[in-house]
Amino acid sequence: LDVTRADPAALAFGSGPHVCLGAALTRMEAEVVLRKMLSRWPE
């Protein structure tokens, strides 16, 4: 695991015509949760 990886290019949301239409929303939710946990739970 390397959170500084320059180009993760994951296929987690698929690719092509069926790429997950809610991918951006899912990432947004994860970003908010991580940011708030890191702020509230420094340990």
PDB file of all heavy atoms in Angstrom:
ATOM      1  N   LEU A   1       0.848  -1.183   0.000  1.00  0.00           N
ATOM      2  CA  LEU A   1       0.000   0.000   0.000  1.00  0.00           C
ATOM      3  C   LEU A   1       0.887   1.237   0.000  1.00  0.00           C
ATOM      4  O   LEU A   1       1.759   1.388   0.854  1.00  0.00           O
ATOM      5  CB  LEU A   1      -0.900   0.013   1.238  1.00  0.00           C
ATOM      6  CG  LEU A   1      -1.828   1.230   1.377  1.00  0.00           C
ATOM      7  CD1 LEU A   1      -2.883   1.232   0.273  1.00  0.00           C
ATOM      8  CD2 LEU A   1      -2.487   1.260   2.752  1.00  0.00           C
ATOM      9  N   ASP A   2       0.661   2.126  -0.958  1.00  0.00           N
ATOM     10  CA  ASP A   2       1.460   3.347  -1.083  1.00  0.00           C
ATOM     11  C   ASP A   2       0.533   4.489  -1.465  1.00  0.00           C
ATOM     12  O   ASP A   2       0.170   4.653  -2.634  1.00  0.00           O
ATOM     13  CB  ASP A   2       2.553   3.165  -2.131  1.00  0.00           C
ATOM     14  CG  ASP A   2       3.412   4.418  -2.310  1.00  0.00           C
ATOM     15  OD1 ASP A   2       3.218   5.386  -1.548  1.00  0.00           O
ATOM     16  OD2 ASP A   2       4.259   4.429  -3.219  1.00  0.00           O
ATOM     17  N   VAL A   3       0.129   5.301  -0.478  1.00  0.00           N
ATOM     18  CA  VAL A   3      -0.824   6.374  -0.745  1.00  0.00           C
ATOM     19  C   VAL A   3      -0.208   7.505  -1.546  1.00  0.00           C
ATOM     20  O   VAL A   3      -0.916   8.431  -1.968  1.00  0.00           O
ATOM     21  CB  VAL A   3      -1.421   6.925   0.572  1.00  0.00           C
ATOM     22  CG1 VAL A   3      -2.199   5.839   1.309  1.00  0.00           C
ATOM     23  CG2 VAL A   3      -0.355   7.540   1.460  1.00  0.00           C
ATOM     24  N   THR A   4       1.115   7.432  -1.803  1.00  0.00           N
ATOM     25  CA  THR A   4       1.765   8.428  -2.660  1.00  0.00           C
ATOM     26  C   THR A   4       1.946   7.903  -4.079  1.00  0.00           C
ATOM     27  O   THR A   4       2.554   8.583  -4.906  1.00  0.00           O
ATOM     28  CB  THR A   4       3.141   8.824  -2.093  1.00  0.00           C
ATOM     29  OG1 THR A   4       4.047   7.719  -2.198  1.00  0.00           O
ATOM     30  CG2 THR A   4       3.046   9.252  -0.640  1.00  0.00           C
ATOM     31  N   ARG A   5       1.424   6.717  -4.367  1.00  0.00           N
ATOM     32  CA  ARG A   5       1.587   6.131  -5.702  1.00  0.00           C
ATOM     33  C   ARG A   5       1.081   7.105  -6.758  1.00  0.00           C
ATOM     34  O   ARG A   5      -0.041   7.611  -6.681  1.00  0.00           O
ATOM     35  CB  ARG A   5       0.834   4.808  -5.781  1.00  0.00           C
ATOM     36  CG  ARG A   5       1.215   3.939  -6.977  1.00  0.00           C
ATOM     37  CD  ARG A   5       0.415   2.642  -6.973  1.00  0.00           C
ATOM     38  NE  ARG A   5       0.742   1.773  -5.853  1.00  0.00           N
ATOM     39  CZ  ARG A   5       1.697   0.850  -5.871  1.00  0.00           C
ATOM     40  NH1 ARG A   5       2.430   0.687  -6.973  1.00  0.00           N
ATOM     41  NH2 ARG A   5       1.935   0.104  -4.806  1.00  0.00           N
ATOM     42  N   ALA A   6       1.887   7.346  -7.772  1.00  0.00           N
ATOM     43  CA  ALA A   6       1.584   8.391  -8.749  1.00  0.00           C
ATOM     44  C   ALA A   6       0.379   8.062  -9.619  1.00  0.00           C
ATOM     45  O   ALA A   6      -0.414   8.940  -9.952  1.00  0.00           O
ATOM     46  CB  ALA A   6       2.812   8.653  -9.624  1.00  0.00           C
ATOM     47  N   ASP A   7       0.214   6.780  -9.985  1.00  0.00           N
ATOM     48  CA  ASP A   7      -0.851   6.431 -10.924  1.00  0.00           C
ATOM     49  C   ASP A   7      -1.455   5.088 -10.543  1.00  0.00           C
ATOM     50  O   ASP A   7      -1.156   4.063 -11.172  1.00  0.00           O
ATOM     51  CB  ASP A   7      -0.293   6.385 -12.354  1.00  0.00           C
ATOM     52  CG  ASP A   7      -1.368   6.059 -13.376  1.00  0.00           C
ATOM     53  OD1 ASP A   7      -2.555   6.275 -13.075  1.00  0.00           O
ATOM     54  OD2 ASP A   7      -1.021   5.594 -14.477  1.00  0.00           O
ATOM     55  N   PRO A   8      -2.339   5.065  -9.527  1.00  0.00           N
ATOM     56  CA  PRO A   8      -2.929   3.788  -9.125  1.00  0.00           C
ATOM     57  C   PRO A   8      -3.730   3.115 -10.244  1.00  0.00           C
ATOM     58  O   PRO A   8      -3.685   1.907 -10.401  1.00  0.00           O
ATOM     59  CB  PRO A   8      -3.842   4.180  -7.956  1.00  0.00           C
ATOM     60  CG  PRO A   8      -3.300   5.468  -7.463  1.00  0.00           C
ATOM     61  CD  PRO A   8      -2.743   6.172  -8.647  1.00  0.00           C
ATOM     62  N   ALA A   9      -4.459   3.913 -11.041  1.00  0.00           N
ATOM     63  CA  ALA A   9      -5.202   3.404 -12.202  1.00  0.00           C
ATOM     64  C   ALA A   9      -5.950   2.110 -11.891  1.00  0.00           C
ATOM     65  O   ALA A   9      -5.837   1.133 -12.611  1.00  0.00           O
ATOM     66  CB  ALA A   9      -4.247   3.194 -13.377  1.00  0.00           C
ATOM     67  N   ALA A  10      -6.702   2.115 -10.810  1.00  0.00           N
ATOM     68  CA  ALA A  10      -7.419   0.909 -10.404  1.00  0.00           C
ATOM     69  C   ALA A  10      -8.574   0.616 -11.349  1.00  0.00           C
ATOM     70  O   ALA A  10      -9.172   1.520 -11.935  1.00  0.00           O
ATOM     71  CB  ALA A  10      -7.941   1.069  -8.984  1.00  0.00           C
ATOM     72  N   LEU A  11      -8.896  -0.665 -11.473  1.00  0.00           N
ATOM     73  CA  LEU A  11     -10.058  -1.101 -12.241  1.00  0.00           C
ATOM     74  C   LEU A  11     -11.242  -1.388 -11.323  1.00  0.00           C
ATOM     75  O   LEU A  11     -12.179  -2.073 -11.714  1.00  0.00           O
ATOM     76  CB  LEU A  11      -9.709  -2.353 -13.051  1.00  0.00           C
ATOM     77  CG  LEU A  11      -8.711  -2.148 -14.199  1.00  0.00           C
ATOM     78  CD1 LEU A  11      -8.308  -3.492 -14.787  1.00  0.00           C
ATOM     79  CD2 LEU A  11      -9.308  -1.249 -15.278  1.00  0.00           C
ATOM     80  N   ALA A  12     -11.196  -0.867 -10.103  1.00  0.00           N
ATOM     81  CA  ALA A  12     -12.230  -1.174  -9.119  1.00  0.00           C
ATOM     82  C   ALA A  12     -13.626  -0.811  -9.607  1.00  0.00           C
ATOM     83  O   ALA A  12     -14.615  -1.458  -9.239  1.00  0.00           O
ATOM     84  CB  ALA A  12     -11.934  -0.454  -7.806  1.00  0.00           C
ATOM     85  N   PHE A  13     -13.734   0.238 -10.418  1.00  0.00           N
ATOM     86  CA  PHE A  13     -15.029   0.665 -10.936  1.00  0.00           C
ATOM     87  C   PHE A  13     -15.259   0.175 -12.363  1.00  0.00           C
ATOM     88  O   PHE A  13     -16.172   0.637 -13.039  1.00  0.00           O
ATOM     89  CB  PHE A  13     -15.141   2.189 -10.891  1.00  0.00           C
ATOM     90  CG  PHE A  13     -15.168   2.743  -9.492  1.00  0.00           C
ATOM     91  CD1 PHE A  13     -14.190   3.625  -9.062  1.00  0.00           C
ATOM     92  CD2 PHE A  13     -16.174   2.390  -8.602  1.00  0.00           C
ATOM     93  CE1 PHE A  13     -14.216   4.150  -7.778  1.00  0.00           C
ATOM     94  CE2 PHE A  13     -16.209   2.905  -7.320  1.00  0.00           C
ATOM     95  CZ  PHE A  13     -15.234   3.791  -6.900  1.00  0.00           C
ATOM     96  N   GLY A  14     -14.427  -0.751 -12.819  1.00  0.00           N
ATOM     97  CA  GLY A  14     -14.569  -1.263 -14.168  1.00  0.00           C
ATOM     98  C   GLY A  14     -13.889  -0.363 -15.176  1.00  0.00           C
ATOM     99  O   GLY A  14     -13.052   0.490 -14.852  1.00  0.00           O
ATOM    100  N   SER A  15     -14.271  -0.538 -16.436  1.00  0.00           N
ATOM    101  CA  SER A  15     -13.719   0.246 -17.535  1.00  0.00           C
ATOM    102  C   SER A  15     -14.669   0.107 -18.714  1.00  0.00           C
ATOM    103  O   SER A  15     -15.515  -0.789 -18.741  1.00  0.00           O
ATOM    104  CB  SER A  15     -12.315  -0.256 -17.904  1.00  0.00           C
ATOM    105  OG  SER A  15     -11.701   0.570 -18.868  1.00  0.00           O
ATOM    106  N   GLY A  16     -14.539   0.990 -19.677  1.00  0.00           N
ATOM    107  CA  GLY A  16     -15.371   0.896 -20.860  1.00  0.00           C
ATOM    108  C   GLY A  16     -16.787   1.398 -20.621  1.00  0.00           C
ATOM    109  O   GLY A  16     -17.036   2.162 -19.675  1.00  0.00           O
ATOM    110  N   PRO A  17     -17.744   0.978 -21.453  1.00  0.00           N
ATOM    111  CA  PRO A  17     -19.112   1.513 -21.380  1.00  0.00           C
ATOM    112  C   PRO A  17     -19.784   1.318 -20.031  1.00  0.00           C
ATOM    113  O   PRO A  17     -20.628   2.110 -19.632  1.00  0.00           O
ATOM    114  CB  PRO A  17     -19.856   0.736 -22.478  1.00  0.00           C
ATOM    115  CG  PRO A  17     -18.797   0.248 -23.402  1.00  0.00           C
ATOM    116  CD  PRO A  17     -17.583   0.010 -22.557  1.00  0.00           C
ATOM    117  N   HIS A  18     -19.418   0.242 -19.314  1.00  0.00           N
ATOM    118  CA  HIS A  18     -20.077  -0.074 -18.048  1.00  0.00           C
ATOM    119  C   HIS A  18     -19.306   0.443 -16.832  1.00  0.00           C
ATOM    120  O   HIS A  18     -19.608   0.015 -15.710  1.00  0.00           O
ATOM    121  CB  HIS A  18     -20.285  -1.583 -17.917  1.00  0.00           C
ATOM    122  CG  HIS A  18     -21.519  -2.077 -18.608  1.00  0.00           C
ATOM    123  ND1 HIS A  18     -22.732  -2.186 -17.981  1.00  0.00           N
ATOM    124  CD2 HIS A  18     -21.721  -2.468 -19.892  1.00  0.00           C
ATOM    125  CE1 HIS A  18     -23.638  -2.639 -18.838  1.00  0.00           C
ATOM    126  NE2 HIS A  18     -23.047  -2.825 -20.006  1.00  0.00           N
ATOM    127  N   VAL A  19     -18.352   1.338 -17.024  1.00  0.00           N
ATOM    128  CA  VAL A  19     -17.647   1.875 -15.862  1.00  0.00           C
ATOM    129  C   VAL A  19     -18.681   2.455 -14.899  1.00  0.00           C
ATOM    130  O   VAL A  19     -19.685   3.051 -15.308  1.00  0.00           O
ATOM    131  CB  VAL A  19     -16.612   2.938 -16.298  1.00  0.00           C
ATOM    132  CG1 VAL A  19     -17.280   4.185 -16.862  1.00  0.00           C
ATOM    133  CG2 VAL A  19     -15.693   3.296 -15.137  1.00  0.00           C
ATOM    134  N   CYS A  20     -18.476   2.264 -13.617  1.00  0.00           N
ATOM    135  CA  CYS A  20     -19.458   2.623 -12.593  1.00  0.00           C
ATOM    136  C   CYS A  20     -19.851   4.097 -12.692  1.00  0.00           C
ATOM    137  O   CYS A  20     -19.002   4.982 -12.597  1.00  0.00           O
ATOM    138  CB  CYS A  20     -18.895   2.325 -11.204  1.00  0.00           C
ATOM    139  SG  CYS A  20     -19.984   2.827  -9.857  1.00  0.00           S
ATOM    140  N   LEU A  21     -21.145   4.367 -12.860  1.00  0.00           N
ATOM    141  CA  LEU A  21     -21.564   5.759 -13.023  1.00  0.00           C
ATOM    142  C   LEU A  21     -21.502   6.532 -11.707  1.00  0.00           C
ATOM    143  O   LEU A  21     -21.465   7.759 -11.698  1.00  0.00           O
ATOM    144  CB  LEU A  21     -22.954   5.846 -13.651  1.00  0.00           C
ATOM    145  CG  LEU A  21     -24.164   5.213 -12.980  1.00  0.00           C
ATOM    146  CD1 LEU A  21     -24.738   6.101 -11.896  1.00  0.00           C
ATOM    147  CD2 LEU A  21     -25.245   4.934 -14.016  1.00  0.00           C
ATOM    148  N   GLY A  22     -21.474   5.815 -10.572  1.00  0.00           N
ATOM    149  CA  GLY A  22     -21.384   6.486  -9.276  1.00  0.00           C
ATOM    150  C   GLY A  22     -19.986   6.527  -8.706  1.00  0.00           C
ATOM    151  O   GLY A  22     -19.802   6.803  -7.515  1.00  0.00           O
ATOM    152  N   ALA A  23     -18.964   6.302  -9.550  1.00  0.00           N
ATOM    153  CA  ALA A  23     -17.580   6.244  -9.059  1.00  0.00           C
ATOM    154  C   ALA A  23     -17.170   7.527  -8.354  1.00  0.00           C
ATOM    155  O   ALA A  23     -16.566   7.499  -7.281  1.00  0.00           O
ATOM    156  CB  ALA A  23     -16.628   5.935 -10.204  1.00  0.00           C
ATOM    157  N   ALA A  24     -17.479   8.676  -8.935  1.00  0.00           N
ATOM    158  CA  ALA A  24     -17.075   9.956  -8.341  1.00  0.00           C
ATOM    159  C   ALA A  24     -17.754  10.169  -6.990  1.00  0.00           C
ATOM    160  O   ALA A  24     -17.141  10.688  -6.049  1.00  0.00           O
ATOM    161  CB  ALA A  24     -17.398  11.100  -9.293  1.00  0.00           C
ATOM    162  N   LEU A  25     -19.022   9.768  -6.877  1.00  0.00           N
ATOM    163  CA  LEU A  25     -19.731   9.908  -5.605  1.00  0.00           C
ATOM    164  C   LEU A  25     -19.120   9.001  -4.547  1.00  0.00           C
ATOM    165  O   LEU A  25     -18.921   9.414  -3.392  1.00  0.00           O
ATOM    166  CB  LEU A  25     -21.211   9.570  -5.798  1.00  0.00           C
ATOM    167  CG  LEU A  25     -22.076   9.589  -4.532  1.00  0.00           C
ATOM    168  CD1 LEU A  25     -22.045  10.951  -3.869  1.00  0.00           C
ATOM    169  CD2 LEU A  25     -23.512   9.181  -4.872  1.00  0.00           C
ATOM    170  N   THR A  26     -18.797   7.770  -4.914  1.00  0.00           N
ATOM    171  CA  THR A  26     -18.177   6.844  -3.963  1.00  0.00           C
ATOM    172  C   THR A  26     -16.846   7.389  -3.472  1.00  0.00           C
ATOM    173  O   THR A  26     -16.545   7.347  -2.269  1.00  0.00           O
ATOM    174  CB  THR A  26     -17.980   5.470  -4.632  1.00  0.00           C
ATOM    175  OG1 THR A  26     -19.261   4.910  -4.925  1.00  0.00           O
ATOM    176  CG2 THR A  26     -17.233   4.514  -3.717  1.00  0.00           C
ATOM    177  N   ARG A  27     -16.027   7.901  -4.389  1.00  0.00           N
ATOM    178  CA  ARG A  27     -14.737   8.487  -3.977  1.00  0.00           C
ATOM    179  C   ARG A  27     -14.953   9.681  -3.066  1.00  0.00           C
ATOM    180  O   ARG A  27     -14.222   9.867  -2.082  1.00  0.00           O
ATOM    181  CB  ARG A  27     -13.930   8.881  -5.210  1.00  0.00           C
ATOM    182  CG  ARG A  27     -13.369   7.709  -5.995  1.00  0.00           C
ATOM    183  CD  ARG A  27     -12.276   8.165  -6.960  1.00  0.00           C
ATOM    184  NE  ARG A  27     -12.785   9.121  -7.920  1.00  0.00           N
ATOM    185  CZ  ARG A  27     -13.219   8.819  -9.141  1.00  0.00           C
ATOM    186  NH1 ARG A  27     -13.249   7.553  -9.526  1.00  0.00           N
ATOM    187  NH2 ARG A  27     -13.650   9.756  -9.966  1.00  0.00           N
ATOM    188  N   MET A  28     -15.945  10.501  -3.370  1.00  0.00           N
ATOM    189  CA  MET A  28     -16.226  11.679  -2.542  1.00  0.00           C
ATOM    190  C   MET A  28     -16.570  11.264  -1.115  1.00  0.00           C
ATOM    191  O   MET A  28     -16.061  11.848  -0.144  1.00  0.00           O
ATOM    192  CB  MET A  28     -17.376  12.490  -3.141  1.00  0.00           C
ATOM    193  CG  MET A  28     -17.747  13.713  -2.314  1.00  0.00           C
ATOM    194  SD  MET A  28     -19.251  14.546  -2.912  1.00  0.00           S
ATOM    195  CE  MET A  28     -18.670  15.146  -4.498  1.00  0.00           C
ATOM    196  N   GLU A  29     -17.429  10.264  -0.972  1.00  0.00           N
ATOM    197  CA  GLU A  29     -17.796   9.810   0.363  1.00  0.00           C
ATOM    198  C   GLU A  29     -16.575   9.287   1.114  1.00  0.00           C
ATOM    199  O   GLU A  29     -16.388   9.579   2.301  1.00  0.00           O
ATOM    200  CB  GLU A  29     -18.863   8.719   0.268  1.00  0.00           C
ATOM    201  CG  GLU A  29     -20.207   9.220  -0.236  1.00  0.00           C
ATOM    202  CD  GLU A  29     -21.219   8.111  -0.400  1.00  0.00           C
ATOM    203  OE1 GLU A  29     -21.586   7.494   0.617  1.00  0.00           O
ATOM    204  OE2 GLU A  29     -21.641   7.850  -1.541  1.00  0.00           O
ATOM    205  N   ALA A  30     -15.743   8.517   0.438  1.00  0.00           N
ATOM    206  CA  ALA A  30     -14.548   7.972   1.088  1.00  0.00           C
ATOM    207  C   ALA A  30     -13.588   9.083   1.486  1.00  0.00           C
ATOM    208  O   ALA A  30     -12.987   9.040   2.568  1.00  0.00           O
ATOM    209  CB  ALA A  30     -13.854   6.978   0.157  1.00  0.00           C
ATOM    210  N   GLU A  31     -13.433  10.083   0.639  1.00  0.00           N
ATOM    211  CA  GLU A  31     -12.539  11.193   0.963  1.00  0.00           C
ATOM    212  C   GLU A  31     -13.024  11.957   2.182  1.00  0.00           C
ATOM    213  O   GLU A  31     -12.223  12.320   3.066  1.00  0.00           O
ATOM    214  CB  GLU A  31     -12.425  12.134  -0.246  1.00  0.00           C
ATOM    215  CG  GLU A  31     -11.642  11.553  -1.409  1.00  0.00           C
ATOM    216  CD  GLU A  31     -11.767  12.387  -2.681  1.00  0.00           C
ATOM    217  OE1 GLU A  31     -12.177  13.571  -2.562  1.00  0.00           O
ATOM    218  OE2 GLU A  31     -11.461  11.867  -3.765  1.00  0.00           O
ATOM    219  N   VAL A  32     -14.314  12.204   2.255  1.00  0.00           N
ATOM    220  CA  VAL A  32     -14.871  12.927   3.410  1.00  0.00           C
ATOM    221  C   VAL A  32     -14.663  12.125   4.685  1.00  0.00           C
ATOM    222  O   VAL A  32     -14.217  12.665   5.712  1.00  0.00           O
ATOM    223  CB  VAL A  32     -16.369  13.233   3.185  1.00  0.00           C
ATOM    224  CG1 VAL A  32     -17.006  13.742   4.487  1.00  0.00           C
ATOM    225  CG2 VAL A  32     -16.546  14.266   2.084  1.00  0.00           C
ATOM    226  N   VAL A  33     -14.979  10.848   4.652  1.00  0.00           N
ATOM    227  CA  VAL A  33     -14.845  10.011   5.850  1.00  0.00           C
ATOM    228  C   VAL A  33     -13.390   9.953   6.298  1.00  0.00           C
ATOM    229  O   VAL A  33     -13.089  10.113   7.494  1.00  0.00           O
ATOM    230  CB  VAL A  33     -15.396   8.600   5.590  1.00  0.00           C
ATOM    231  CG1 VAL A  33     -15.049   7.669   6.753  1.00  0.00           C
ATOM    232  CG2 VAL A  33     -16.904   8.648   5.400  1.00  0.00           C
ATOM    233  N   LEU A  34     -12.468   9.734   5.377  1.00  0.00           N
ATOM    234  CA  LEU A  34     -11.055   9.666   5.754  1.00  0.00           C
ATOM    235  C   LEU A  34     -10.574  10.991   6.351  1.00  0.00           C
ATOM    236  O   LEU A  34      -9.871  11.009   7.369  1.00  0.00           O
ATOM    237  CB  LEU A  34     -10.200   9.310   4.537  1.00  0.00           C
ATOM    238  CG  LEU A  34     -10.080   7.830   4.184  1.00  0.00           C
ATOM    239  CD1 LEU A  34      -9.164   7.655   2.987  1.00  0.00           C
ATOM    240  CD2 LEU A  34      -9.543   7.025   5.368  1.00  0.00           C
ATOM    241  N   ARG A  35     -10.938  12.078   5.718  1.00  0.00           N
ATOM    242  CA  ARG A  35     -10.483  13.380   6.213  1.00  0.00           C
ATOM    243  C   ARG A  35     -10.990  13.642   7.623  1.00  0.00           C
ATOM    244  O   ARG A  35     -10.238  14.109   8.494  1.00  0.00           O
ATOM    245  CB  ARG A  35     -10.949  14.495   5.265  1.00  0.00           C
ATOM    246  CG  ARG A  35     -10.366  15.872   5.626  1.00  0.00           C
ATOM    247  CD  ARG A  35     -10.692  16.916   4.583  1.00  0.00           C
ATOM    248  NE  ARG A  35     -12.119  17.238   4.565  1.00  0.00           N
ATOM    249  CZ  ARG A  35     -12.951  16.889   3.614  1.00  0.00           C
ATOM    250  NH1 ARG A  35     -12.521  16.167   2.592  1.00  0.00           N
ATOM    251  NH2 ARG A  35     -14.231  17.229   3.680  1.00  0.00           N
ATOM    252  N   LYS A  36     -12.235  13.316   7.874  1.00  0.00           N
ATOM    253  CA  LYS A  36     -12.798  13.590   9.191  1.00  0.00           C
ATOM    254  C   LYS A  36     -12.248  12.627  10.252  1.00  0.00           C
ATOM    255  O   LYS A  36     -12.025  13.008  11.397  1.00  0.00           O
ATOM    256  CB  LYS A  36     -14.322  13.541   9.125  1.00  0.00           C
ATOM    257  CG  LYS A  36     -14.905  14.706   8.337  1.00  0.00           C
ATOM    258  CD  LYS A  36     -16.400  14.788   8.425  1.00  0.00           C
ATOM    259  CE  LYS A  36     -16.907  16.029   7.680  1.00  0.00           C
ATOM    260  NZ  LYS A  36     -16.474  17.281   8.331  1.00  0.00           N
ATOM    261  N   MET A  37     -12.027  11.372   9.881  1.00  0.00           N
ATOM    262  CA  MET A  37     -11.445  10.433  10.839  1.00  0.00           C
ATOM    263  C   MET A  37     -10.025  10.831  11.196  1.00  0.00           C
ATOM    264  O   MET A  37      -9.623  10.763  12.369  1.00  0.00           O
ATOM    265  CB  MET A  37     -11.475   9.015  10.266  1.00  0.00           C
ATOM    266  CG  MET A  37     -12.859   8.398  10.215  1.00  0.00           C
ATOM    267  SD  MET A  37     -12.843   6.614   9.896  1.00  0.00           S
ATOM    268  CE  MET A  37     -11.826   6.517   8.437  1.00  0.00           C
ATOM    269  N   LEU A  38      -9.251  11.235  10.204  1.00  0.00           N
ATOM    270  CA  LEU A  38      -7.872  11.634  10.465  1.00  0.00           C
ATOM    271  C   LEU A  38      -7.813  12.865  11.359  1.00  0.00           C
ATOM    272  O   LEU A  38      -6.896  13.019  12.170  1.00  0.00           O
ATOM    273  CB  LEU A  38      -7.147  11.912   9.145  1.00  0.00           C
ATOM    274  CG  LEU A  38      -6.789  10.666   8.321  1.00  0.00           C
ATOM    275  CD1 LEU A  38      -6.563  11.026   6.865  1.00  0.00           C
ATOM    276  CD2 LEU A  38      -5.565   9.991   8.898  1.00  0.00           C
ATOM    277  N   SER A  39      -8.800  13.742  11.223  1.00  0.00           N
ATOM    278  CA  SER A  39      -8.855  14.938  12.053  1.00  0.00           C
ATOM    279  C   SER A  39      -9.302  14.616  13.473  1.00  0.00           C
ATOM    280  O   SER A  39      -8.724  15.096  14.453  1.00  0.00           O
ATOM    281  CB  SER A  39      -9.808  15.956  11.423  1.00  0.00           C
ATOM    282  OG  SER A  39      -9.998  17.061  12.269  1.00  0.00           O
ATOM    283  N   ARG A  40     -10.324  13.776  13.597  1.00  0.00           N
ATOM    284  CA  ARG A  40     -10.883  13.445  14.908  1.00  0.00           C
ATOM    285  C   ARG A  40     -10.040  12.401  15.639  1.00  0.00           C
ATOM    286  O   ARG A  40     -10.000  12.384  16.867  1.00  0.00           O
ATOM    287  CB  ARG A  40     -12.303  12.911  14.748  1.00  0.00           C
ATOM    288  CG  ARG A  40     -13.340  13.939  14.357  1.00  0.00           C
ATOM    289  CD  ARG A  40     -14.650  13.234  14.087  1.00  0.00           C
ATOM    290  NE  ARG A  40     -15.726  14.158  13.761  1.00  0.00           N
ATOM    291  CZ  ARG A  40     -16.834  14.318  14.475  1.00  0.00           C
ATOM    292  NH1 ARG A  40     -16.997  13.621  15.594  1.00  0.00           N
ATOM    293  NH2 ARG A  40     -17.781  15.149  14.097  1.00  0.00           N
ATOM    294  N   TRP A  41      -9.449  11.472  14.887  1.00  0.00           N
ATOM    295  CA  TRP A  41      -8.722  10.355  15.471  1.00  0.00           C
ATOM    296  C   TRP A  41      -7.252  10.405  15.045  1.00  0.00           C
ATOM    297  O   TRP A  41      -6.797   9.568  14.250  1.00  0.00           O
ATOM    298  CB  TRP A  41      -9.317   9.021  15.020  1.00  0.00           C
ATOM    299  CG  TRP A  41     -10.793   8.883  15.214  1.00  0.00           C
ATOM    300  CD1 TRP A  41     -11.604   9.614  16.024  1.00  0.00           C
ATOM    301  CD2 TRP A  41     -11.643   7.922  14.562  1.00  0.00           C
ATOM    302  NE1 TRP A  41     -12.902   9.184  15.927  1.00  0.00           N
ATOM    303  CE2 TRP A  41     -12.961   8.151  15.050  1.00  0.00           C
ATOM    304  CE3 TRP A  41     -11.419   6.900  13.658  1.00  0.00           C
ATOM    305  CZ2 TRP A  41     -14.045   7.394  14.624  1.00  0.00           C
ATOM    306  CZ3 TRP A  41     -12.502   6.140  13.233  1.00  0.00           C
ATOM    307  CH2 TRP A  41     -13.797   6.387  13.719  1.00  0.00           C
ATOM    308  N   PRO A  42      -6.501  11.388  15.527  1.00  0.00           N
ATOM    309  CA  PRO A  42      -5.091  11.478  15.104  1.00  0.00           C
ATOM    310  C   PRO A  42      -4.282  10.225  15.462  1.00  0.00           C
ATOM    311  O   PRO A  42      -3.351   9.851  14.757  1.00  0.00           O
ATOM    312  CB  PRO A  42      -4.568  12.715  15.844  1.00  0.00           C
ATOM    313  CG  PRO A  42      -5.544  12.939  16.960  1.00  0.00           C
ATOM    314  CD  PRO A  42      -6.853  12.457  16.464  1.00  0.00           C
ATOM    315  N   GLU A  43      -4.704   9.573  16.556  1.00  0.00           N
ATOM    316  CA  GLU A  43      -4.086   8.297  16.908  1.00  0.00           C
ATOM    317  C   GLU A  43      -4.846   7.180  16.204  1.00  0.00           C
ATOM    318  O   GLU A  43      -6.071   7.105  16.290  1.00  0.00           O
ATOM    319  CB  GLU A  43      -4.103   8.086  18.422  1.00  0.00           C
ATOM    320  CG  GLU A  43      -3.308   9.129  19.199  1.00  0.00           C
ATOM    321  CD  GLU A  43      -1.829   9.101  18.866  1.00  0.00           C
ATOM    322  OE1 GLU A  43      -1.312   7.984  18.607  1.00  0.00           O
ATOM    323  OE2 GLU A  43      -1.201  10.173  18.847  1.00  0.00           O
TER     324      GLU A  43
END
